[in-house]
Amino acid sequence: MWHARLGHVNSSYVMKLQRLELINMHDKQSGKCDVCVESKITKKTCYPVERQTKLLGLIHTDLADLKQTMSRGGINYFVTFIDDYSRYTKVYLIKRKDEAFDVKQK
């Protein structure tokens, strides 16, 4: 409990505070703190990706919403197309998600 209250400090600091009678601990802490264990988990290495060597070889696309943003004309979503080689980006604003299929034909 004190470990969490003190911002997940090292257990030796908690014990030191107890010896100085600055905190009162009734029971001993046992096991490891789940939050501390989870925060020390390392991410897997991201390996470099080979980029395309020709124009329009690979197109990245994404459909997203504008969340709570008010827009003119009732636009709620946008679709992005990004060319992997040139990084040329095109953004289309749409009202409904089902319009995304029609966008790529424009």
PDB file of N, CA and C in Angstrom:
ATOM      1  N   MET A   1       0.820  -1.185   0.000  1.00  0.00           N
ATOM      2  CA  MET A   1       0.000   0.000   0.000  1.00  0.00           C
ATOM      3  C   MET A   1       0.877   1.266   0.000  1.00  0.00           C
ATOM      4  N   TRP A   2       1.870   1.307   0.903  1.00  0.00           N
ATOM      5  CA  TRP A   2       2.739   2.488   0.945  1.00  0.00           C
ATOM      6  C   TRP A   2       3.596   2.596  -0.302  1.00  0.00           C
ATOM      7  N   HIS A   3       3.975   1.492  -0.834  1.00  0.00           N
ATOM      8  CA  HIS A   3       4.753   1.484  -2.077  1.00  0.00           C
ATOM      9  C   HIS A   3       3.983   2.224  -3.173  1.00  0.00           C
ATOM     10  N   ALA A   4       2.696   1.951  -3.313  1.00  0.00           N
ATOM     11  CA  ALA A   4       1.870   2.623  -4.325  1.00  0.00           C
ATOM     12  C   ALA A   4       1.612   4.076  -3.960  1.00  0.00           C
ATOM     13  N   ARG A   5       1.351   4.335  -2.690  1.00  0.00           N
ATOM     14  CA  ARG A   5       1.087   5.719  -2.249  1.00  0.00           C
ATOM     15  C   ARG A   5       2.282   6.642  -2.466  1.00  0.00           C
ATOM     16  N   LEU A   6       3.461   6.084  -2.365  1.00  0.00           N
ATOM     17  CA  LEU A   6       4.679   6.883  -2.534  1.00  0.00           C
ATOM     18  C   LEU A   6       5.185   6.883  -3.972  1.00  0.00           C
ATOM     19  N   GLY A   7       4.336   6.510  -4.899  1.00  0.00           N
ATOM     20  CA  GLY A   7       4.704   6.569  -6.318  1.00  0.00           C
ATOM     21  C   GLY A   7       5.545   5.407  -6.770  1.00  0.00           C
ATOM     22  N   HIS A   8       5.343   4.233  -6.175  1.00  0.00           N
ATOM     23  CA  HIS A   8       6.041   3.002  -6.556  1.00  0.00           C
ATOM     24  C   HIS A   8       7.552   3.108  -6.364  1.00  0.00           C
ATOM     25  N   VAL A   9       7.936   3.649  -5.200  1.00  0.00           N
ATOM     26  CA  VAL A   9       9.365   3.769  -4.879  1.00  0.00           C
ATOM     27  C   VAL A   9       9.932   2.396  -4.543  1.00  0.00           C
ATOM     28  N   ASN A  10      11.225   2.322  -4.499  1.00  0.00           N
ATOM     29  CA  ASN A  10      11.931   1.096  -4.161  1.00  0.00           C
ATOM     30  C   ASN A  10      11.551   0.659  -2.744  1.00  0.00           C
ATOM     31  N   SER A  11      11.474  -0.638  -2.530  1.00  0.00           N
ATOM     32  CA  SER A  11      11.058  -1.158  -1.223  1.00  0.00           C
ATOM     33  C   SER A  11      12.029  -0.753  -0.107  1.00  0.00           C
ATOM     34  N   SER A  12      13.286  -0.524  -0.441  1.00  0.00           N
ATOM     35  CA  SER A  12      14.244  -0.105   0.591  1.00  0.00           C
ATOM     36  C   SER A  12      13.892   1.278   1.144  1.00  0.00           C
ATOM     37  N   TYR A  13      13.329   2.147   0.330  1.00  0.00           N
ATOM     38  CA  TYR A  13      12.901   3.464   0.816  1.00  0.00           C
ATOM     39  C   TYR A  13      11.706   3.337   1.753  1.00  0.00           C
ATOM     40  N   VAL A  14      10.793   2.443   1.419  1.00  0.00           N
ATOM     41  CA  VAL A  14       9.640   2.216   2.279  1.00  0.00           C
ATOM     42  C   VAL A  14      10.103   1.681   3.632  1.00  0.00           C
ATOM     43  N   MET A  15      11.023   0.750   3.617  1.00  0.00           N
ATOM     44  CA  MET A  15      11.555   0.189   4.866  1.00  0.00           C
ATOM     45  C   MET A  15      12.287   1.266   5.679  1.00  0.00           C
ATOM     46  N   LYS A  16      13.015   2.130   5.001  1.00  0.00           N
ATOM     47  CA  LYS A  16      13.736   3.207   5.689  1.00  0.00           C
ATOM     48  C   LYS A  16      12.757   4.161   6.360  1.00  0.00           C
ATOM     49  N   LEU A  17      11.671   4.496   5.669  1.00  0.00           N
ATOM     50  CA  LEU A  17      10.651   5.367   6.254  1.00  0.00           C
ATOM     51  C   LEU A  17       9.993   4.706   7.456  1.00  0.00           C
ATOM     52  N   GLN A  18       9.838   3.406   7.413  1.00  0.00           N
ATOM     53  CA  GLN A  18       9.260   2.678   8.544  1.00  0.00           C
ATOM     54  C   GLN A  18      10.218   2.698   9.736  1.00  0.00           C
ATOM     55  N   ARG A  19      11.507   2.498   9.478  1.00  0.00           N
ATOM     56  CA  ARG A  19      12.506   2.530  10.565  1.00  0.00           C
ATOM     57  C   ARG A  19      12.557   3.911  11.225  1.00  0.00           C
ATOM     58  N   LEU A  20      12.369   4.971  10.405  1.00  0.00           N
ATOM     59  CA  LEU A  20      12.372   6.337  10.936  1.00  0.00           C
ATOM     60  C   LEU A  20      11.030   6.700  11.566  1.00  0.00           C
ATOM     61  N   GLU A  21      10.108   5.743  11.562  1.00  0.00           N
ATOM     62  CA  GLU A  21       8.766   5.902  12.115  1.00  0.00           C
ATOM     63  C   GLU A  21       7.993   7.050  11.456  1.00  0.00           C
ATOM     64  N   LEU A  22       8.230   7.239  10.154  1.00  0.00           N
ATOM     65  CA  LEU A  22       7.478   8.232   9.391  1.00  0.00           C
ATOM     66  C   LEU A  22       6.206   7.639   8.801  1.00  0.00           C
ATOM     67  N   ILE A  23       6.214   6.337   8.637  1.00  0.00           N
ATOM     68  CA  ILE A  23       5.012   5.637   8.192  1.00  0.00           C
ATOM     69  C   ILE A  23       4.799   4.435   9.094  1.00  0.00           C
ATOM     70  N   ASN A  24       3.558   3.978   9.182  1.00  0.00           N
ATOM     71  CA  ASN A  24       3.236   2.830  10.022  1.00  0.00           C
ATOM     72  C   ASN A  24       2.731   1.711   9.120  1.00  0.00           C
ATOM     73  N   MET A  25       3.517   0.649   9.041  1.00  0.00           N
ATOM     74  CA  MET A  25       3.118  -0.504   8.231  1.00  0.00           C
ATOM     75  C   MET A  25       2.745  -1.643   9.163  1.00  0.00           C
ATOM     76  N   HIS A  26       1.509  -2.126   9.012  1.00  0.00           N
ATOM     77  CA  HIS A  26       1.052  -3.211   9.868  1.00  0.00           C
ATOM     78  C   HIS A  26       1.477  -4.569   9.328  1.00  0.00           C
ATOM     79  N   ASP A  27       1.379  -4.755   8.020  1.00  0.00           N
ATOM     80  CA  ASP A  27       1.784  -6.049   7.455  1.00  0.00           C
ATOM     81  C   ASP A  27       2.892  -5.845   6.437  1.00  0.00           C
ATOM     82  N   LYS A  28       3.653  -6.881   6.308  1.00  0.00           N
ATOM     83  CA  LYS A  28       4.749  -6.863   5.336  1.00  0.00           C
ATOM     84  C   LYS A  28       4.174  -7.001   3.928  1.00  0.00           C
ATOM     85  N   GLN A  29       4.806  -6.326   2.994  1.00  0.00           N
ATOM     86  CA  GLN A  29       4.387  -6.461   1.601  1.00  0.00           C
ATOM     87  C   GLN A  29       4.999  -7.726   1.040  1.00  0.00           C
ATOM     88  N   SER A  30       4.181  -8.475   0.350  1.00  0.00           N
ATOM     89  CA  SER A  30       4.707  -9.708  -0.226  1.00  0.00           C
ATOM     90  C   SER A  30       4.506  -9.695  -1.731  1.00  0.00           C
ATOM     91  N   GLY A  31       5.384 -10.351  -2.434  1.00  0.00           N
ATOM     92  CA  GLY A  31       5.264 -10.435  -3.883  1.00  0.00           C
ATOM     93  C   GLY A  31       5.705  -9.150  -4.564  1.00  0.00           C
ATOM     94  N   LYS A  32       5.517  -9.166  -5.861  1.00  0.00           N
ATOM     95  CA  LYS A  32       5.925  -8.008  -6.653  1.00  0.00           C
ATOM     96  C   LYS A  32       4.705  -7.177  -7.023  1.00  0.00           C
ATOM     97  N   CYS A  33       4.931  -5.898  -7.166  1.00  0.00           N
ATOM     98  CA  CYS A  33       3.860  -4.981  -7.556  1.00  0.00           C
ATOM     99  C   CYS A  33       3.564  -5.184  -9.047  1.00  0.00           C
ATOM    100  N   ASP A  34       2.301  -5.438  -9.374  1.00  0.00           N
ATOM    101  CA  ASP A  34       1.917  -5.673 -10.774  1.00  0.00           C
ATOM    102  C   ASP A  34       2.230  -4.476 -11.669  1.00  0.00           C
ATOM    103  N   VAL A  35       2.009  -3.276 -11.148  1.00  0.00           N
ATOM    104  CA  VAL A  35       2.262  -2.064 -11.940  1.00  0.00           C
ATOM    105  C   VAL A  35       3.741  -1.933 -12.264  1.00  0.00           C
ATOM    106  N   CYS A  36       4.591  -2.185 -11.286  1.00  0.00           N
ATOM    107  CA  CYS A  36       6.037  -2.075 -11.506  1.00  0.00           C
ATOM    108  C   CYS A  36       6.534  -3.136 -12.483  1.00  0.00           C
ATOM    109  N   VAL A  37       6.027  -4.343 -12.350  1.00  0.00           N
ATOM    110  CA  VAL A  37       6.433  -5.420 -13.256  1.00  0.00           C
ATOM    111  C   VAL A  37       6.016  -5.083 -14.682  1.00  0.00           C
ATOM    112  N   GLU A  38       4.790  -4.602 -14.839  1.00  0.00           N
ATOM    113  CA  GLU A  38       4.280  -4.278 -16.170  1.00  0.00           C
ATOM    114  C   GLU A  38       5.036  -3.116 -16.805  1.00  0.00           C
ATOM    115  N   SER A  39       5.444  -2.143 -15.994  1.00  0.00           N
ATOM    116  CA  SER A  39       6.140  -0.978 -16.548  1.00  0.00           C
ATOM    117  C   SER A  39       7.560  -1.312 -16.992  1.00  0.00           C
ATOM    118  N   LYS A  40       8.118  -2.404 -16.499  1.00  0.00           N
ATOM    119  CA  LYS A  40       9.478  -2.785 -16.875  1.00  0.00           C
ATOM    120  C   LYS A  40       9.532  -3.715 -18.074  1.00  0.00           C
ATOM    121  N   ILE A  41       8.364  -4.088 -18.595  1.00  0.00           N
ATOM    122  CA  ILE A  41       8.336  -4.948 -19.770  1.00  0.00           C
ATOM    123  C   ILE A  41       8.855  -4.152 -20.962  1.00  0.00           C
ATOM    124  N   THR A  42       9.785  -4.721 -21.678  1.00  0.00           N
ATOM    125  CA  THR A  42      10.354  -4.015 -22.819  1.00  0.00           C
ATOM    126  C   THR A  42       9.607  -4.363 -24.088  1.00  0.00           C
ATOM    127  N   LYS A  43       9.600  -3.406 -24.986  1.00  0.00           N
ATOM    128  CA  LYS A  43       8.957  -3.600 -26.268  1.00  0.00           C
ATOM    129  C   LYS A  43       9.855  -4.420 -27.181  1.00  0.00           C
ATOM    130  N   LYS A  44       9.253  -5.190 -28.050  1.00  0.00           N
ATOM    131  CA  LYS A  44      10.045  -5.948 -29.018  1.00  0.00           C
ATOM    132  C   LYS A  44      10.684  -4.980 -30.005  1.00  0.00           C
ATOM    133  N   THR A  45      11.845  -5.347 -30.488  1.00  0.00           N
ATOM    134  CA  THR A  45      12.585  -4.513 -31.422  1.00  0.00           C
ATOM    135  C   THR A  45      11.828  -4.383 -32.736  1.00  0.00           C
ATOM    136  N   CYS A  46      11.761  -3.165 -33.228  1.00  0.00           N
ATOM    137  CA  CYS A  46      11.149  -2.916 -34.535  1.00  0.00           C
ATOM    138  C   CYS A  46      12.263  -2.931 -35.571  1.00  0.00           C
ATOM    139  N   TYR A  47      12.164  -3.830 -36.505  1.00  0.00           N
ATOM    140  CA  TYR A  47      13.184  -3.934 -37.530  1.00  0.00           C
ATOM    141  C   TYR A  47      12.888  -2.955 -38.662  1.00  0.00           C
ATOM    142  N   PRO A  48      13.919  -2.409 -39.297  1.00  0.00           N
ATOM    143  CA  PRO A  48      13.693  -1.465 -40.382  1.00  0.00           C
ATOM    144  C   PRO A  48      12.959  -2.124 -41.546  1.00  0.00           C
ATOM    145  N   VAL A  49      12.106  -1.340 -42.159  1.00  0.00           N
ATOM    146  CA  VAL A  49      11.299  -1.832 -43.273  1.00  0.00           C
ATOM    147  C   VAL A  49      11.917  -1.334 -44.574  1.00  0.00           C
ATOM    148  N   GLU A  50      11.946  -2.191 -45.569  1.00  0.00           N
ATOM    149  CA  GLU A  50      12.448  -1.761 -46.875  1.00  0.00           C
ATOM    150  C   GLU A  50      11.403  -0.915 -47.567  1.00  0.00           C
ATOM    151  N   ARG A  51      11.788   0.268 -47.968  1.00  0.00           N
ATOM    152  CA  ARG A  51      10.883   1.177 -48.659  1.00  0.00           C
ATOM    153  C   ARG A  51      10.807   0.801 -50.125  1.00  0.00           C
ATOM    154  N   GLN A  52       9.712   1.186 -50.725  1.00  0.00           N
ATOM    155  CA  GLN A  52       9.504   0.917 -52.145  1.00  0.00           C
ATOM    156  C   GLN A  52      10.489   1.726 -52.985  1.00  0.00           C
ATOM    157  N   THR A  53      10.844   1.195 -54.137  1.00  0.00           N
ATOM    158  CA  THR A  53      11.801   1.869 -55.018  1.00  0.00           C
ATOM    159  C   THR A  53      11.134   2.443 -56.256  1.00  0.00           C
ATOM    160  N   LYS A  54       9.813   2.310 -56.348  1.00  0.00           N
ATOM    161  CA  LYS A  54       9.122   2.881 -57.501  1.00  0.00           C
ATOM    162  C   LYS A  54       7.841   3.563 -57.043  1.00  0.00           C
ATOM    163  N   LEU A  55       7.432   4.536 -57.801  1.00  0.00           N
ATOM    164  CA  LEU A  55       6.241   5.314 -57.512  1.00  0.00           C
ATOM    165  C   LEU A  55       4.998   4.424 -57.552  1.00  0.00           C
ATOM    166  N   LEU A  56       4.116   4.575 -56.584  1.00  0.00           N
ATOM    167  CA  LEU A  56       2.864   3.824 -56.450  1.00  0.00           C
ATOM    168  C   LEU A  56       3.070   2.315 -56.252  1.00  0.00           C
ATOM    169  N   GLY A  57       4.253   1.923 -55.791  1.00  0.00           N
ATOM    170  CA  GLY A  57       4.527   0.511 -55.518  1.00  0.00           C
ATOM    171  C   GLY A  57       3.768   0.014 -54.305  1.00  0.00           C
ATOM    172  N   LEU A  58       3.541   0.898 -53.324  1.00  0.00           N
ATOM    173  CA  LEU A  58       2.808   0.558 -52.119  1.00  0.00           C
ATOM    174  C   LEU A  58       2.093   1.809 -51.627  1.00  0.00           C
ATOM    175  N   ILE A  59       0.801   1.684 -51.378  1.00  0.00           N
ATOM    176  CA  ILE A  59      -0.001   2.808 -50.887  1.00  0.00           C
ATOM    177  C   ILE A  59      -0.513   2.448 -49.497  1.00  0.00           C
ATOM    178  N   HIS A  60      -0.239   3.330 -48.530  1.00  0.00           N
ATOM    179  CA  HIS A  60      -0.771   3.164 -47.184  1.00  0.00           C
ATOM    180  C   HIS A  60      -2.062   3.963 -47.102  1.00  0.00           C
ATOM    181  N   THR A  61      -3.091   3.403 -46.484  1.00  0.00           N
ATOM    182  CA  THR A  61      -4.359   4.113 -46.364  1.00  0.00           C
ATOM    183  C   THR A  61      -4.892   3.982 -44.951  1.00  0.00           C
ATOM    184  N   ASP A  62      -5.669   4.977 -44.539  1.00  0.00           N
ATOM    185  CA  ASP A  62      -6.252   4.966 -43.211  1.00  0.00           C
ATOM    186  C   ASP A  62      -7.575   5.716 -43.242  1.00  0.00           C
ATOM    187  N   LEU A  63      -8.523   5.229 -42.473  1.00  0.00           N
ATOM    188  CA  LEU A  63      -9.821   5.871 -42.315  1.00  0.00           C
ATOM    189  C   LEU A  63      -9.946   6.233 -40.851  1.00  0.00           C
ATOM    190  N   ALA A  64     -10.219   7.504 -40.550  1.00  0.00           N
ATOM    191  CA  ALA A  64     -10.300   7.948 -39.159  1.00  0.00           C
ATOM    192  C   ALA A  64     -11.441   8.935 -38.994  1.00  0.00           C
ATOM    193  N   ASP A  65     -11.854   9.116 -37.736  1.00  0.00           N
ATOM    194  CA  ASP A  65     -12.919  10.084 -37.485  1.00  0.00           C
ATOM    195  C   ASP A  65     -12.331  11.348 -36.864  1.00  0.00           C
ATOM    196  N   LEU A  66     -13.100  12.421 -36.935  1.00  0.00           N
ATOM    197  CA  LEU A  66     -12.652  13.707 -36.423  1.00  0.00           C
ATOM    198  C   LEU A  66     -13.018  13.892 -34.953  1.00  0.00           C
ATOM    199  N   LYS A  67     -13.486  12.833 -34.312  1.00  0.00           N
ATOM    200  CA  LYS A  67     -13.866  12.823 -32.889  1.00  0.00           C
ATOM    201  C   LYS A  67     -14.907  13.910 -32.617  1.00  0.00           C
ATOM    202  N   GLN A  68     -14.607  14.825 -31.745  1.00  0.00           N
ATOM    203  CA  GLN A  68     -15.568  15.855 -31.348  1.00  0.00           C
ATOM    204  C   GLN A  68     -15.391  17.156 -32.127  1.00  0.00           C
ATOM    205  N   THR A  69     -14.549  17.150 -33.149  1.00  0.00           N
ATOM    206  CA  THR A  69     -14.266  18.361 -33.899  1.00  0.00           C
ATOM    207  C   THR A  69     -15.449  18.728 -34.794  1.00  0.00           C
ATOM    208  N   MET A  70     -15.883  19.967 -34.680  1.00  0.00           N
ATOM    209  CA  MET A  70     -16.961  20.456 -35.541  1.00  0.00           C
ATOM    210  C   MET A  70     -16.375  20.833 -36.902  1.00  0.00           C
ATOM    211  N   SER A  71     -17.085  20.498 -37.965  1.00  0.00           N
ATOM    212  CA  SER A  71     -16.585  20.836 -39.294  1.00  0.00           C
ATOM    213  C   SER A  71     -17.725  21.350 -40.154  1.00  0.00           C
ATOM    214  N   ARG A  72     -17.368  22.069 -41.187  1.00  0.00           N
ATOM    215  CA  ARG A  72     -18.372  22.581 -42.116  1.00  0.00           C
ATOM    216  C   ARG A  72     -18.947  21.446 -42.941  1.00  0.00           C
ATOM    217  N   GLY A  73     -20.225  21.498 -43.182  1.00  0.00           N
ATOM    218  CA  GLY A  73     -20.850  20.534 -44.068  1.00  0.00           C
ATOM    219  C   GLY A  73     -21.064  19.154 -43.449  1.00  0.00           C
ATOM    220  N   GLY A  74     -20.886  19.013 -42.146  1.00  0.00           N
ATOM    221  CA  GLY A  74     -21.138  17.743 -41.490  1.00  0.00           C
ATOM    222  C   GLY A  74     -20.106  16.668 -41.766  1.00  0.00           C
ATOM    223  N   ILE A  75     -18.870  17.058 -42.028  1.00  0.00           N
ATOM    224  CA  ILE A  75     -17.793  16.095 -42.287  1.00  0.00           C
ATOM    225  C   ILE A  75     -17.417  15.431 -40.965  1.00  0.00           C
ATOM    226  N   ASN A  76     -17.470  14.107 -40.932  1.00  0.00           N
ATOM    227  CA  ASN A  76     -17.156  13.367 -39.712  1.00  0.00           C
ATOM    228  C   ASN A  76     -15.912  12.501 -39.822  1.00  0.00           C
ATOM    229  N   TYR A  77     -15.487  12.165 -41.038  1.00  0.00           N
ATOM    230  CA  TYR A  77     -14.377  11.228 -41.241  1.00  0.00           C
ATOM    231  C   TYR A  77     -13.413  11.759 -42.293  1.00  0.00           C
ATOM    232  N   PHE A  78     -12.223  11.174 -42.324  1.00  0.00           N
ATOM    233  CA  PHE A  78     -11.283  11.465 -43.403  1.00  0.00           C
ATOM    234  C   PHE A  78     -10.537  10.198 -43.782  1.00  0.00           C
ATOM    235  N   VAL A  79     -10.143  10.136 -45.037  1.00  0.00           N
ATOM    236  CA  VAL A  79      -9.384   9.006 -45.572  1.00  0.00           C
ATOM    237  C   VAL A  79      -8.060   9.556 -46.065  1.00  0.00           C
ATOM    238  N   THR A  80      -6.965   8.882 -45.712  1.00  0.00           N
ATOM    239  CA  THR A  80      -5.652   9.301 -46.192  1.00  0.00           C
ATOM    240  C   THR A  80      -5.054   8.213 -47.069  1.00  0.00           C
ATOM    241  N   PHE A  81      -4.358   8.638 -48.111  1.00  0.00           N
ATOM    242  CA  PHE A  81      -3.604   7.753 -48.986  1.00  0.00           C
ATOM    243  C   PHE A  81      -2.181   8.295 -49.033  1.00  0.00           C
ATOM    244  N   ILE A  82      -1.198   7.453 -48.709  1.00  0.00           N
ATOM    245  CA  ILE A  82       0.205   7.880 -48.687  1.00  0.00           C
ATOM    246  C   ILE A  82       1.017   6.928 -49.544  1.00  0.00           C
ATOM    247  N   ASP A  83       1.715   7.501 -50.543  1.00  0.00           N
ATOM    248  CA  ASP A  83       2.608   6.699 -51.391  1.00  0.00           C
ATOM    249  C   ASP A  83       3.886   6.414 -50.607  1.00  0.00           C
ATOM    250  N   ASP A  84       4.278   5.147 -50.519  1.00  0.00           N
ATOM    251  CA  ASP A  84       5.435   4.744 -49.725  1.00  0.00           C
ATOM    252  C   ASP A  84       6.740   5.305 -50.279  1.00  0.00           C
ATOM    253  N   TYR A  85       6.859   5.409 -51.578  1.00  0.00           N
ATOM    254  CA  TYR A  85       8.099   5.867 -52.196  1.00  0.00           C
ATOM    255  C   TYR A  85       8.259   7.387 -52.093  1.00  0.00           C
ATOM    256  N   SER A  86       7.266   8.129 -52.557  1.00  0.00           N
ATOM    257  CA  SER A  86       7.393   9.587 -52.627  1.00  0.00           C
ATOM    258  C   SER A  86       6.881  10.292 -51.378  1.00  0.00           C
ATOM    259  N   ARG A  87       6.107   9.582 -50.554  1.00  0.00           N
ATOM    260  CA  ARG A  87       5.448  10.150 -49.377  1.00  0.00           C
ATOM    261  C   ARG A  87       4.385  11.178 -49.765  1.00  0.00           C
ATOM    262  N   TYR A  88       3.965  11.170 -51.001  1.00  0.00           N
ATOM    263  CA  TYR A  88       2.877  12.037 -51.436  1.00  0.00           C
ATOM    264  C   TYR A  88       1.622  11.613 -50.682  1.00  0.00           C
ATOM    265  N   THR A  89       0.921  12.571 -50.105  1.00  0.00           N
ATOM    266  CA  THR A  89      -0.250  12.288 -49.284  1.00  0.00           C
ATOM    267  C   THR A  89      -1.471  12.980 -49.846  1.00  0.00           C
ATOM    268  N   LYS A  90      -2.561  12.260 -49.872  1.00  0.00           N
ATOM    269  CA  LYS A  90      -3.838  12.801 -50.321  1.00  0.00           C
ATOM    270  C   LYS A  90      -4.854  12.539 -49.217  1.00  0.00           C
ATOM    271  N   VAL A  91      -5.605  13.559 -48.825  1.00  0.00           N
ATOM    272  CA  VAL A  91      -6.602  13.438 -47.772  1.00  0.00           C
ATOM    273  C   VAL A  91      -7.965  13.773 -48.364  1.00  0.00           C
ATOM    274  N   TYR A  92      -8.944  12.916 -48.092  1.00  0.00           N
ATOM    275  CA  TYR A  92     -10.310  13.131 -48.534  1.00  0.00           C
ATOM    276  C   TYR A  92     -11.210  13.221 -47.307  1.00  0.00           C
ATOM    277  N   LEU A  93     -12.063  14.236 -47.280  1.00  0.00           N
ATOM    278  CA  LEU A  93     -13.015  14.401 -46.195  1.00  0.00           C
ATOM    279  C   LEU A  93     -14.340  13.785 -46.609  1.00  0.00           C
ATOM    280  N   ILE A  94     -14.927  12.969 -45.724  1.00  0.00           N
ATOM    281  CA  ILE A  94     -16.182  12.296 -46.054  1.00  0.00           C
ATOM    282  C   ILE A  94     -17.152  12.399 -44.870  1.00  0.00           C
ATOM    283  N   LYS A  95     -18.445  12.273 -45.170  1.00  0.00           N
ATOM    284  CA  LYS A  95     -19.470  12.370 -44.130  1.00  0.00           C
ATOM    285  C   LYS A  95     -19.717  11.031 -43.440  1.00  0.00           C
ATOM    286  N   ARG A  96     -19.697   9.948 -44.212  1.00  0.00           N
ATOM    287  CA  ARG A  96     -19.977   8.619 -43.667  1.00  0.00           C
ATOM    288  C   ARG A  96     -18.864   7.654 -44.068  1.00  0.00           C
ATOM    289  N   LYS A  97     -18.661   6.624 -43.267  1.00  0.00           N
ATOM    290  CA  LYS A  97     -17.596   5.654 -43.541  1.00  0.00           C
ATOM    291  C   LYS A  97     -17.802   4.934 -44.864  1.00  0.00           C
ATOM    292  N   ASP A  98     -19.038   4.677 -45.233  1.00  0.00           N
ATOM    293  CA  ASP A  98     -19.278   3.924 -46.463  1.00  0.00           C
ATOM    294  C   ASP A  98     -18.886   4.700 -47.722  1.00  0.00           C
ATOM    295  N   GLU A  99     -18.624   5.988 -47.605  1.00  0.00           N
ATOM    296  CA  GLU A  99     -18.167   6.787 -48.735  1.00  0.00           C
ATOM    297  C   GLU A  99     -16.685   6.528 -49.046  1.00  0.00           C
ATOM    298  N   ALA A 100     -15.971   5.840 -48.156  1.00  0.00           N
ATOM    299  CA  ALA A 100     -14.535   5.606 -48.335  1.00  0.00           C
ATOM    300  C   ALA A 100     -14.271   4.764 -49.577  1.00  0.00           C
ATOM    301  N   PHE A 101     -15.172   3.852 -49.912  1.00  0.00           N
ATOM    302  CA  PHE A 101     -14.985   3.005 -51.107  1.00  0.00           C
ATOM    303  C   PHE A 101     -15.081   3.828 -52.379  1.00  0.00           C
ATOM    304  N   ASP A 102     -15.899   4.862 -52.389  1.00  0.00           N
ATOM    305  CA  ASP A 102     -16.051   5.721 -53.561  1.00  0.00           C
ATOM    306  C   ASP A 102     -14.899   6.706 -53.723  1.00  0.00           C
ATOM    307  N   VAL A 103     -14.200   7.034 -52.663  1.00  0.00           N
ATOM    308  CA  VAL A 103     -13.131   8.023 -52.690  1.00  0.00           C
ATOM    309  C   VAL A 103     -11.991   7.581 -53.602  1.00  0.00           C
ATOM    310  N   LYS A 104     -11.610   6.325 -53.557  1.00  0.00           N
ATOM    311  CA  LYS A 104     -10.452   5.863 -54.326  1.00  0.00           C
ATOM    312  C   LYS A 104     -10.700   5.914 -55.839  1.00  0.00           C
ATOM    313  N   GLN A 105     -11.946   6.097 -56.226  1.00  0.00           N
ATOM    314  CA  GLN A 105     -12.271   6.181 -57.654  1.00  0.00           C
ATOM    315  C   GLN A 105     -12.202   7.610 -58.161  1.00  0.00           C
ATOM    316  N   LYS A 106     -12.049   8.596 -57.289  1.00  0.00           N
ATOM    317  CA  LYS A 106     -12.013  10.003 -57.707  1.00  0.00           C
ATOM    318  C   LYS A 106     -10.705  10.349 -58.353  1.00  0.00           C
TER     319      LYS A 106
END
